[in-house]
Protein backbone atom coordinates (compact mmCIF):
# COMPACT_ATOMS: atom_id res chain seq x y z
CA MET A 1 32.08 101.82 -52.56
CA GLN A 2 35.78 101.95 -51.69
CA SER A 3 35.93 98.45 -50.35
CA GLY A 4 34.03 97.24 -53.42
CA MET A 5 36.50 98.96 -55.62
CA VAL A 6 39.36 97.59 -53.68
CA LEU A 7 38.06 94.08 -54.31
CA MET A 8 37.48 94.92 -57.96
CA GLU A 9 40.81 96.42 -58.35
CA GLU A 10 42.60 93.59 -56.62
CA GLY A 11 40.76 91.26 -59.11
CA LYS A 12 38.73 89.36 -56.55
CA ASP A 13 35.27 88.15 -57.31
CA PRO A 14 33.07 88.97 -54.28
CA ILE A 15 30.82 85.90 -55.14
CA VAL A 16 33.79 83.60 -55.00
CA THR A 17 34.91 85.08 -51.81
CA ALA A 18 31.54 84.30 -50.27
CA ARG A 19 31.58 80.55 -51.32
CA THR A 20 35.09 80.31 -49.95
CA ASN A 21 33.83 81.44 -46.50
CA GLN A 22 30.89 78.89 -46.62
CA SER A 23 33.23 75.99 -47.44
CA ARG A 24 35.36 76.85 -44.37
CA GLY A 25 32.21 77.02 -42.10
CA PHE A 26 30.89 73.60 -43.26
CA PRO A 27 33.52 71.28 -41.64
CA GLN A 28 33.02 72.99 -38.38
CA ARG A 29 29.25 72.24 -38.23
CA LEU A 30 29.87 68.61 -39.38
CA LEU A 31 32.40 68.29 -36.60
CA GLN A 32 29.73 69.38 -34.17
CA ILE A 33 27.18 66.84 -35.47
CA LEU A 34 29.76 64.05 -35.19
CA VAL A 35 30.75 64.87 -31.65
CA GLY A 36 27.10 65.03 -30.65
CA PHE A 37 26.48 61.60 -32.32
CA PHE A 38 29.51 60.12 -30.60
CA LEU A 39 28.30 61.41 -27.13
CA LEU A 40 24.88 59.87 -27.81
CA CYS A 41 26.54 56.54 -28.64
CA VAL A 42 28.60 56.57 -25.47
CA VAL A 43 25.40 57.40 -23.34
CA PHE A 44 23.47 54.48 -25.03
CA SER A 45 26.41 52.12 -24.51
CA ALA A 46 26.52 52.96 -20.87
CA ILE A 47 22.87 52.43 -20.41
CA SER A 48 23.13 49.03 -22.24
CA MET A 49 25.93 47.91 -19.97
CA TYR A 50 23.93 48.88 -16.94
CA MET A 51 20.94 46.77 -18.09
CA VAL A 52 22.97 43.83 -18.85
CA ARG A 53 24.73 43.93 -15.48
CA TYR A 54 21.80 44.75 -13.19
CA SER A 55 18.53 44.03 -14.99
CA GLY A 56 19.36 40.67 -16.61
CA PHE A 57 18.36 41.92 -19.95
CA GLN A 58 20.86 39.54 -21.70
CA SER A 59 19.41 36.48 -19.98
CA ALA A 60 15.82 37.55 -20.66
CA VAL A 61 16.64 37.71 -24.34
CA ALA A 62 18.26 34.34 -24.21
CA MET A 63 15.27 32.78 -22.55
CA ALA A 64 12.82 34.39 -24.88
CA ARG A 65 14.48 32.71 -27.95
CA PRO A 66 14.05 28.99 -27.00
CA SER A 67 10.46 29.78 -25.82
CA PHE A 68 9.51 30.96 -29.29
CA GLN A 69 11.08 27.94 -30.89
CA LEU A 70 9.07 25.67 -28.52
CA CYS A 71 5.82 27.28 -29.47
CA VAL A 72 6.63 26.59 -33.07
CA GLU A 73 7.72 22.93 -32.60
CA LYS A 74 4.74 21.94 -30.35
CA PRO A 75 1.37 23.38 -31.56
CA SER A 76 -1.60 23.61 -29.21
CA ASN A 77 -3.29 20.61 -30.90
CA GLY A 78 -0.64 18.16 -29.79
CA LEU A 79 -0.97 15.02 -27.61
CA GLU A 80 -0.67 17.07 -24.36
CA GLN A 81 -4.31 18.33 -24.61
CA TRP A 82 -5.51 14.72 -24.76
CA ILE A 83 -3.56 13.31 -21.85
CA ARG A 84 -3.59 16.15 -19.52
CA PRO A 85 -6.28 15.86 -16.75
CA PRO A 86 -8.77 18.74 -16.31
CA SER A 87 -7.23 21.70 -14.33
CA LYS A 88 -10.71 22.31 -12.74
CA LEU A 89 -13.39 19.79 -11.97
CA MET A 90 -16.31 22.18 -12.02
CA HIS A 91 -17.73 22.65 -15.54
CA ASN A 92 -20.93 23.60 -17.33
CA MET A 93 -21.50 20.40 -19.21
CA THR A 94 -24.86 18.69 -19.11
CA ASP A 95 -25.00 15.03 -18.09
CA GLU A 96 -25.50 14.17 -21.79
CA GLU A 97 -22.49 16.29 -22.95
CA LEU A 98 -20.33 14.85 -19.96
CA PHE A 99 -21.18 11.23 -20.62
CA TRP A 100 -20.47 11.75 -24.49
CA ARG A 101 -17.04 13.18 -23.65
CA ALA A 102 -16.21 10.65 -20.91
CA THR A 103 -16.71 7.65 -23.19
CA PHE A 104 -13.86 8.60 -25.51
CA MET A 105 -11.62 5.47 -25.32
CA PRO A 106 -8.41 4.60 -27.05
CA ARG A 107 -8.53 1.31 -29.05
CA MET A 108 -4.75 0.83 -28.93
CA LYS A 109 -3.48 -1.08 -25.85
CA ASN A 110 -0.14 0.72 -25.77
CA TYR A 111 0.08 4.46 -24.81
CA PRO A 112 2.44 6.67 -26.69
CA PHE A 113 3.63 8.24 -23.32
CA ASP A 114 4.65 7.19 -19.87
CA ARG A 115 1.32 6.40 -18.34
CA VAL A 116 1.08 5.82 -14.59
CA PRO A 117 -2.12 4.15 -13.75
CA LYS A 118 -4.09 5.82 -11.02
CA ILE A 119 -7.09 4.86 -8.78
CA ALA A 120 -10.01 7.28 -8.69
CA PHE A 121 -11.45 7.54 -5.29
CA MET A 122 -15.11 8.76 -5.65
CA PHE A 123 -16.93 9.95 -2.56
CA LEU A 124 -20.74 10.08 -2.80
CA THR A 125 -21.86 12.13 0.15
CA LYS A 126 -24.75 14.48 1.18
CA GLY A 127 -22.36 17.09 2.83
CA PRO A 128 -19.04 17.15 4.63
CA LEU A 129 -16.50 14.35 4.98
CA PRO A 130 -16.07 13.97 8.79
CA LEU A 131 -13.40 11.20 8.33
CA ALA A 132 -11.29 13.41 6.00
CA PRO A 133 -8.21 13.58 8.46
CA LEU A 134 -8.04 9.80 8.35
CA TRP A 135 -8.06 9.77 4.64
CA GLU A 136 -5.49 12.62 4.47
CA ARG A 137 -3.09 10.31 6.44
CA PHE A 138 -3.90 7.47 4.10
CA PHE A 139 -3.10 9.44 0.98
CA ASN A 140 -0.02 11.14 2.26
CA GLY A 141 3.12 10.43 0.33
CA HIS A 142 1.40 8.68 -2.75
CA GLU A 143 0.86 11.79 -5.03
CA GLY A 144 0.44 10.75 -8.60
CA LEU A 145 -1.13 7.42 -7.93
CA TYR A 146 -4.58 8.52 -7.09
CA SER A 147 -7.40 11.04 -8.02
CA ILE A 148 -10.20 12.30 -5.85
CA TYR A 149 -13.73 13.16 -6.74
CA VAL A 150 -16.56 14.28 -4.33
CA HIS A 151 -20.19 14.36 -5.28
CA SER A 152 -22.41 16.18 -2.70
CA LEU A 153 -25.58 18.20 -2.67
CA PRO A 154 -25.40 21.48 -4.78
CA SER A 155 -26.19 23.57 -1.64
CA PHE A 156 -23.01 22.14 0.08
CA GLN A 157 -19.70 24.11 -0.19
CA ASP A 158 -16.52 22.36 1.11
CA GLN A 159 -14.25 24.36 3.35
CA PHE A 160 -11.04 22.32 2.84
CA PRO A 161 -7.89 24.31 3.06
CA ALA A 162 -5.61 24.58 -0.07
CA SER A 163 -3.20 21.97 1.46
CA SER A 164 -5.97 19.26 1.66
CA VAL A 165 -6.16 16.53 -0.90
CA PHE A 166 -9.92 17.26 -0.95
CA TYR A 167 -9.43 21.03 -1.97
CA ARG A 168 -11.57 21.80 -4.94
CA ARG A 169 -12.29 18.14 -5.71
CA GLN A 170 -16.09 18.62 -5.78
CA VAL A 171 -17.73 17.77 -9.06
CA PRO A 172 -20.94 19.34 -10.52
CA SER A 173 -23.87 17.56 -8.77
CA GLN A 174 -26.60 19.11 -10.88
CA ASN A 175 -26.97 19.61 -14.59
CA ARG A 176 -28.52 22.89 -15.59
CA GLN A 177 -29.55 23.21 -19.21
CA ARG A 178 -30.31 26.71 -20.29
CA SER A 179 -33.45 26.90 -22.46
CA LYS A 180 -33.51 29.09 -25.60
CA THR A 181 -36.32 31.36 -24.35
CA LYS A 182 -37.95 32.35 -21.02
CA ARG A 183 -41.24 30.83 -22.08
CA ARG A 184 -39.62 27.48 -22.82
CA TRP A 185 -37.90 27.38 -19.47
CA SER A 186 -41.17 28.28 -17.69
CA ALA A 187 -42.95 25.50 -19.42
CA MET A 188 -40.18 23.01 -18.43
CA VAL A 189 -40.50 24.08 -14.85
CA CYS A 190 -44.18 23.74 -14.85
CA GLY A 191 -43.99 20.07 -16.12
CA ALA A 192 -41.24 19.34 -13.66
CA ALA A 193 -43.21 20.66 -10.72
CA VAL A 194 -46.20 18.55 -11.62
CA VAL A 195 -44.02 15.47 -12.00
CA VAL A 196 -42.28 16.14 -8.61
CA VAL A 197 -45.58 16.38 -6.71
CA ARG A 198 -47.03 13.43 -8.43
CA GLU A 199 -43.95 11.32 -7.57
CA GLU A 200 -44.17 12.39 -3.97
CA GLN A 201 -47.82 11.11 -3.92
CA ARG A 202 -46.87 7.71 -5.44
CA ASP A 203 -43.95 7.31 -2.87
CA ARG A 204 -46.09 7.93 0.23
CA GLU A 205 -49.57 8.60 1.39
CA VAL A 206 -50.52 12.15 0.76
CA GLU A 207 -53.11 14.20 2.63
CA LYS A 208 -55.82 16.06 0.92
CA ARG A 209 -53.97 19.42 1.26
CA GLU A 210 -51.10 17.81 -0.78
CA ARG A 211 -53.51 16.77 -3.53
CA ARG A 212 -54.92 20.40 -3.54
CA ARG A 213 -51.39 21.58 -4.00
CA THR A 214 -50.93 19.40 -7.12
CA THR A 215 -54.26 20.68 -8.47
CA ALA A 216 -53.09 24.25 -8.06
CA VAL A 217 -49.74 23.60 -9.83
CA GLU A 218 -51.60 22.06 -12.76
CA ARG A 219 -54.07 24.92 -12.89
CA GLY A 220 -51.29 27.38 -12.88
CA CYS A 221 -49.53 25.70 -15.66
CA ALA A 222 -52.83 26.06 -17.68
CA LEU A 223 -52.30 29.75 -17.35
CA TYR A 224 -48.93 29.44 -19.18
CA GLY A 225 -48.35 32.58 -21.33
CA ARG A 226 -49.77 35.07 -18.88
CA GLU A 227 -46.69 36.66 -17.30
CA ARG A 228 -48.14 37.73 -13.90
CA GLU A 229 -49.59 34.26 -13.21
CA MET A 230 -46.37 32.54 -14.56
CA GLN A 231 -44.04 34.58 -12.38
CA GLY A 232 -45.69 33.42 -9.11
CA LEU A 233 -46.05 29.87 -10.54
CA LEU A 234 -42.31 29.64 -11.23
CA THR A 235 -41.45 30.61 -7.78
CA VAL A 236 -43.78 27.95 -6.37
CA ALA A 237 -42.46 25.32 -8.91
CA ILE A 238 -38.89 25.98 -8.17
CA MET A 239 -39.49 25.70 -4.52
CA LEU A 240 -41.17 22.35 -5.01
CA ILE A 241 -38.19 21.02 -7.07
CA ARG A 242 -35.61 22.21 -4.55
CA ARG A 243 -37.44 20.33 -1.73
CA ARG A 244 -36.03 17.09 -3.19
CA PRO A 245 -32.49 16.06 -2.70
CA VAL A 246 -30.34 15.59 -5.88
CA SER A 247 -29.60 11.98 -5.11
CA GLU A 248 -31.91 9.74 -3.02
CA TRP A 249 -31.26 6.34 -1.54
CA GLY A 250 -32.93 3.57 -3.52
CA LYS A 251 -33.91 5.74 -6.39
CA MET A 252 -32.52 6.42 -9.92
CA SER A 253 -31.09 9.75 -8.95
CA MET A 254 -28.49 7.88 -6.80
CA CYS A 255 -27.45 5.93 -9.87
CA ASP A 256 -27.35 9.20 -11.75
CA ALA A 257 -24.91 10.56 -9.19
CA GLU A 258 -22.70 7.48 -9.40
CA ARG A 259 -22.60 7.57 -13.12
CA ARG A 260 -21.76 11.43 -12.89
CA LEU A 261 -18.76 10.52 -10.67
CA LEU A 262 -17.53 7.91 -13.13
CA ALA A 263 -17.86 10.23 -16.10
CA ASN A 264 -15.93 13.01 -14.38
CA ALA A 265 -13.28 10.58 -13.32
CA LEU A 266 -13.04 9.15 -16.92
CA LEU A 267 -12.02 12.53 -18.13
CA ASP A 268 -8.48 11.75 -16.68
CA ILE A 269 -6.97 9.27 -19.09
CA SER A 270 -4.60 8.00 -16.33
CA ASN A 271 -7.44 6.78 -14.18
CA GLU A 272 -7.61 3.08 -14.43
CA TRP A 273 -9.63 1.87 -11.45
CA PHE A 274 -12.62 3.48 -9.92
CA ILE A 275 -13.76 2.99 -6.28
CA LEU A 276 -17.21 4.22 -5.06
CA LEU A 277 -17.12 5.29 -1.34
CA SER A 278 -19.31 7.07 1.10
CA GLU A 279 -18.50 9.67 3.79
CA SER A 280 -18.68 6.83 6.35
CA CYS A 281 -15.92 4.65 4.74
CA ILE A 282 -12.45 3.98 5.90
CA PRO A 283 -9.54 2.16 4.35
CA LEU A 284 -8.48 -1.02 6.17
CA TYR A 285 -4.91 -1.11 4.89
CA ASN A 286 -2.37 1.42 3.74
CA PHE A 287 -2.25 2.82 0.34
CA SER A 288 0.45 0.60 -1.08
CA VAL A 289 -1.43 -2.63 -0.08
CA ILE A 290 -4.67 -1.43 -1.66
CA TYR A 291 -3.15 -0.04 -4.81
CA HIS A 292 -1.28 -3.35 -5.57
CA TYR A 293 -4.25 -5.47 -4.59
CA ILE A 294 -6.41 -3.64 -7.12
CA MET A 295 -3.74 -3.14 -9.82
CA LYS A 296 -2.85 -6.95 -9.95
CA SER A 297 -6.54 -8.08 -9.84
CA LYS A 298 -7.96 -9.81 -13.01
CA TYR A 299 -11.40 -8.80 -12.09
CA SER A 300 -13.56 -5.86 -11.06
CA PHE A 301 -15.20 -5.99 -7.71
CA MET A 302 -19.00 -5.80 -7.68
CA GLY A 303 -21.47 -8.07 -5.82
CA ALA A 304 -23.97 -9.59 -8.18
CA PHE A 305 -25.89 -12.58 -6.94
CA ASP A 306 -29.23 -14.15 -7.78
CA ASP A 307 -31.64 -13.96 -4.86
CA PRO A 308 -34.69 -15.99 -5.46
CA GLY A 309 -36.58 -14.48 -2.39
CA PRO A 310 -38.94 -11.36 -2.20
CA PHE A 311 -36.05 -8.95 -1.87
CA GLY A 312 -34.41 -10.38 -5.02
CA ARG A 313 -36.41 -11.81 -7.85
CA GLY A 314 -39.43 -10.46 -6.09
CA ARG A 315 -38.57 -7.01 -7.24
CA TYR A 316 -38.31 -7.91 -10.85
CA ASN A 317 -40.80 -6.33 -13.27
CA SER A 318 -41.80 -8.33 -16.27
CA ASN A 319 -41.93 -5.04 -18.28
CA MET A 320 -38.10 -5.02 -18.30
CA ALA A 321 -38.00 -7.90 -20.88
CA PRO A 322 -36.60 -8.52 -23.36
CA GLU A 323 -33.61 -6.43 -22.31
CA VAL A 324 -33.56 -8.07 -18.76
CA ASN A 325 -35.05 -11.42 -18.14
CA ILE A 326 -35.71 -12.68 -14.55
CA THR A 327 -32.96 -15.19 -14.91
CA GLN A 328 -30.53 -12.27 -15.48
CA TRP A 329 -31.85 -10.28 -12.52
CA ARG A 330 -29.13 -9.62 -9.94
CA LYS A 331 -28.65 -7.96 -6.60
CA GLY A 332 -25.64 -6.48 -4.96
CA SER A 333 -24.03 -3.67 -2.88
CA GLN A 334 -23.91 -0.22 -4.48
CA TRP A 335 -20.25 0.22 -3.27
CA PHE A 336 -18.07 -1.04 -6.07
CA GLU A 337 -14.59 -1.04 -7.74
CA VAL A 338 -14.53 -1.30 -11.52
CA ASN A 339 -11.80 -0.89 -14.06
CA ARG A 340 -11.82 1.57 -16.94
CA LYS A 341 -13.53 -0.65 -19.40
CA LEU A 342 -16.49 -1.39 -17.10
CA ALA A 343 -16.71 2.31 -16.14
CA VAL A 344 -17.24 3.19 -19.68
CA TYR A 345 -19.91 0.51 -20.03
CA ILE A 346 -21.80 2.00 -17.17
CA VAL A 347 -21.59 5.62 -18.34
CA GLU A 348 -22.38 4.92 -22.00
CA ASP A 349 -25.40 2.73 -21.21
CA THR A 350 -28.62 3.73 -22.95
CA LYS A 351 -30.09 0.11 -23.38
CA PHE A 352 -30.80 -0.78 -19.79
CA TYR A 353 -31.12 2.78 -18.14
CA PRO A 354 -34.68 3.40 -19.48
CA LYS A 355 -35.93 -0.05 -18.24
CA PHE A 356 -34.64 0.48 -14.77
CA SER A 357 -35.74 4.02 -14.61
CA ASP A 358 -39.21 3.16 -15.57
CA PHE A 359 -39.82 -0.24 -13.94
CA CYS A 360 -37.58 -0.27 -10.88
CA LYS A 361 -39.28 2.10 -8.62
CA PRO A 362 -38.64 2.93 -4.90
CA SER A 363 -39.73 -0.53 -3.53
CA CYS A 364 -37.32 -2.13 -5.99
CA TYR A 365 -34.19 -0.13 -4.80
CA VAL A 366 -32.52 0.41 -8.21
CA ASP A 367 -29.17 1.23 -6.78
CA GLU A 368 -28.90 -2.46 -5.66
CA HIS A 369 -29.93 -3.95 -9.04
CA TYR A 370 -29.06 -1.61 -11.96
CA PHE A 371 -25.21 -2.00 -12.17
CA PRO A 372 -24.99 -5.60 -11.00
CA THR A 373 -27.55 -6.78 -13.50
CA MET A 374 -26.19 -4.73 -16.48
CA LEU A 375 -22.62 -5.94 -15.90
CA THR A 376 -23.67 -9.54 -15.42
CA ILE A 377 -25.34 -9.33 -18.90
CA GLN A 378 -22.57 -7.54 -20.65
CA ALA A 379 -19.34 -8.58 -19.03
CA PRO A 380 -19.86 -11.56 -16.60
CA ASN A 381 -16.26 -12.78 -16.92
CA LEU A 382 -14.86 -9.50 -15.81
CA VAL A 383 -16.68 -9.30 -12.42
CA ALA A 384 -15.37 -11.04 -9.29
CA ASN A 385 -18.95 -11.18 -7.90
CA ARG A 386 -18.02 -9.88 -4.53
CA SER A 387 -17.53 -6.39 -2.81
CA ILE A 388 -14.33 -5.30 -1.29
CA THR A 389 -16.22 -2.95 1.21
CA TRP A 390 -17.04 -4.67 4.63
CA VAL A 391 -20.39 -3.95 6.28
CA ASP A 392 -22.20 -5.43 9.33
CA TRP A 393 -25.83 -6.58 8.72
CA SER A 394 -26.03 -8.50 12.03
CA ARG A 395 -28.04 -5.94 13.76
CA GLY A 396 -30.89 -6.27 11.32
CA GLY A 397 -32.94 -3.45 9.65
CA ALA A 398 -32.84 -1.77 6.28
CA HIS A 399 -29.37 -0.31 6.83
CA PRO A 400 -26.08 -1.79 8.04
CA ALA A 401 -24.69 -1.13 11.61
CA THR A 402 -23.06 2.31 12.40
CA PHE A 403 -19.95 2.32 14.55
CA GLY A 404 -19.13 5.21 16.87
CA ARG A 405 -16.38 5.99 19.43
CA ALA A 406 -17.24 3.22 21.82
CA ASP A 407 -17.08 0.54 19.12
CA ILE A 408 -13.47 1.16 18.08
CA THR A 409 -11.72 -1.49 20.15
CA GLU A 410 -8.93 -4.03 19.53
CA GLU A 411 -11.47 -6.87 19.36
CA PHE A 412 -13.64 -5.01 16.80
CA LEU A 413 -10.65 -4.35 14.41
CA LYS A 414 -9.55 -8.00 14.74
CA ARG A 415 -13.09 -9.08 13.79
CA VAL A 416 -13.12 -6.85 10.71
CA LEU A 417 -9.54 -7.71 9.54
CA GLU A 418 -9.24 -11.44 10.47
CA GLY A 419 -11.17 -14.53 9.72
CA GLN A 420 -12.18 -13.75 6.26
CA SER A 421 -12.07 -16.15 3.32
CA CYS A 422 -12.56 -15.34 -0.43
CA PHE A 423 -11.08 -15.91 -3.89
CA TYR A 424 -8.63 -13.43 -5.33
CA ASN A 425 -7.62 -14.09 -8.97
CA ASN A 426 -9.26 -17.55 -8.62
CA GLN A 427 -7.11 -18.41 -5.66
CA PRO A 428 -8.04 -18.66 -1.99
CA SER A 429 -7.16 -15.47 -0.01
CA SER A 430 -7.68 -14.13 3.64
CA VAL A 431 -7.59 -10.52 2.37
CA CYS A 432 -11.11 -10.00 1.28
CA PHE A 433 -11.99 -6.39 2.29
CA LEU A 434 -10.05 -3.19 1.58
CA PHE A 435 -12.68 -0.76 3.00
CA ALA A 436 -15.25 -0.74 5.77
CA ARG A 437 -18.43 1.22 6.60
CA LYS A 438 -20.43 2.63 8.32
CA PHE A 439 -18.40 4.77 10.81
CA ALA A 440 -19.83 7.82 12.66
CA PRO A 441 -18.02 11.07 12.98
CA SER A 442 -17.31 10.28 16.64
CA ALA A 443 -15.17 7.39 15.51
CA LEU A 444 -12.46 9.59 14.02
CA ASP A 445 -10.28 10.18 17.08
CA PRO A 446 -10.08 6.57 18.17
CA LEU A 447 -9.50 5.52 14.56
CA LEU A 448 -6.62 8.06 14.19
CA LEU A 449 -5.15 6.50 17.40
CA VAL A 450 -5.30 2.81 16.25
CA ALA A 451 -4.59 3.30 12.58
CA PRO A 452 -0.82 3.23 12.71
CA LYS A 453 -0.81 -0.10 14.63
CA TYR A 454 -3.76 -2.04 12.99
CA LEU A 455 -4.35 -0.27 9.57
CA GLY A 456 -0.76 0.44 8.68
CA TYR A 457 -1.03 4.24 8.16
């Protein structure tokens, strides 16, 4: 009470005194907040300087800015997606889808980019490439001027190292179309199994047990819809189909494989020439000679001649008319070199393919007649009517001679390289063959020894 009285007596209001004390305390707390904020700024600045100096944060920001601008300036639907070759050769396209995509062709002659024309080397093989080391030496130092494609049996998996030019260059050798339902797939396999066995009977004499096998397959297909019977039947049918190789010599499956190689190579817009080779082929000159020889040629190289004998016109079937008349029937080697225009002709063909598929059966050897006849009808002025792959038929038989280790001599190479005569761009030439076959795996080592002196690589 006394203190209150003193304040009252001194004329001081206690409420005013309290406000005065609060106003004096407020600046002190504000100062603490400001000091804390200042310290926080100092710490943040120190951390930022450390990141700039040691973490490269500033350069990362600078690099991120133009990258964003690049994405805005060049959308994903630009020219790059049309001219960039496929990053992977393996795909899930069916033959129908692949051929449709491969036949896209620009109609303007001039390209809106710096296009370096390449040669597509297409290897048609059953399995490995025993002469690959020789080809590795041939391709060395010429990157950007060639592409490589390998078509082999589906069961074969290449074992080339990542440093090899053949690494992951295998194209799909089988088209698998997925059916919409399991029953539909079962029916397709049933029909295919019957066709497979019947074709085997037509191709060769079949014993009675083989005929019983056909009857069993047909009877099993009649049980279609009963899951138990179908499960066993599918296993048998698939085994029958897998017995047959994907591409067989002298049959349409061989031409299918060649068309598949061409179609995959056409996906690269820079491929201008397409050469079909086997695992037994070797190059007779270095890469530069072969590249310029093909690049400057006015014609594609495919043998197409009229053989009046039993192995020429004698194989003609009158059911192929009117698309193909006997006067248009041609024969030639399956190993060819064609330009991009003719490659598209071969892949897009639906006019001649059914005729050759139906009426050029095994004794006809469709791979010797289909492409020569078709191109003679469609583009006779674009074909040189000769092959650039040397073979030796002097030993007789259905197949050309095969050369092994003992055959690779100086005299042999001179016989292959010298004494030739042909026309190149309508002018006489002594350089007629750029490749040769057939060489056995045992010929690899001696070929590697003589290649620098006689072959130029």
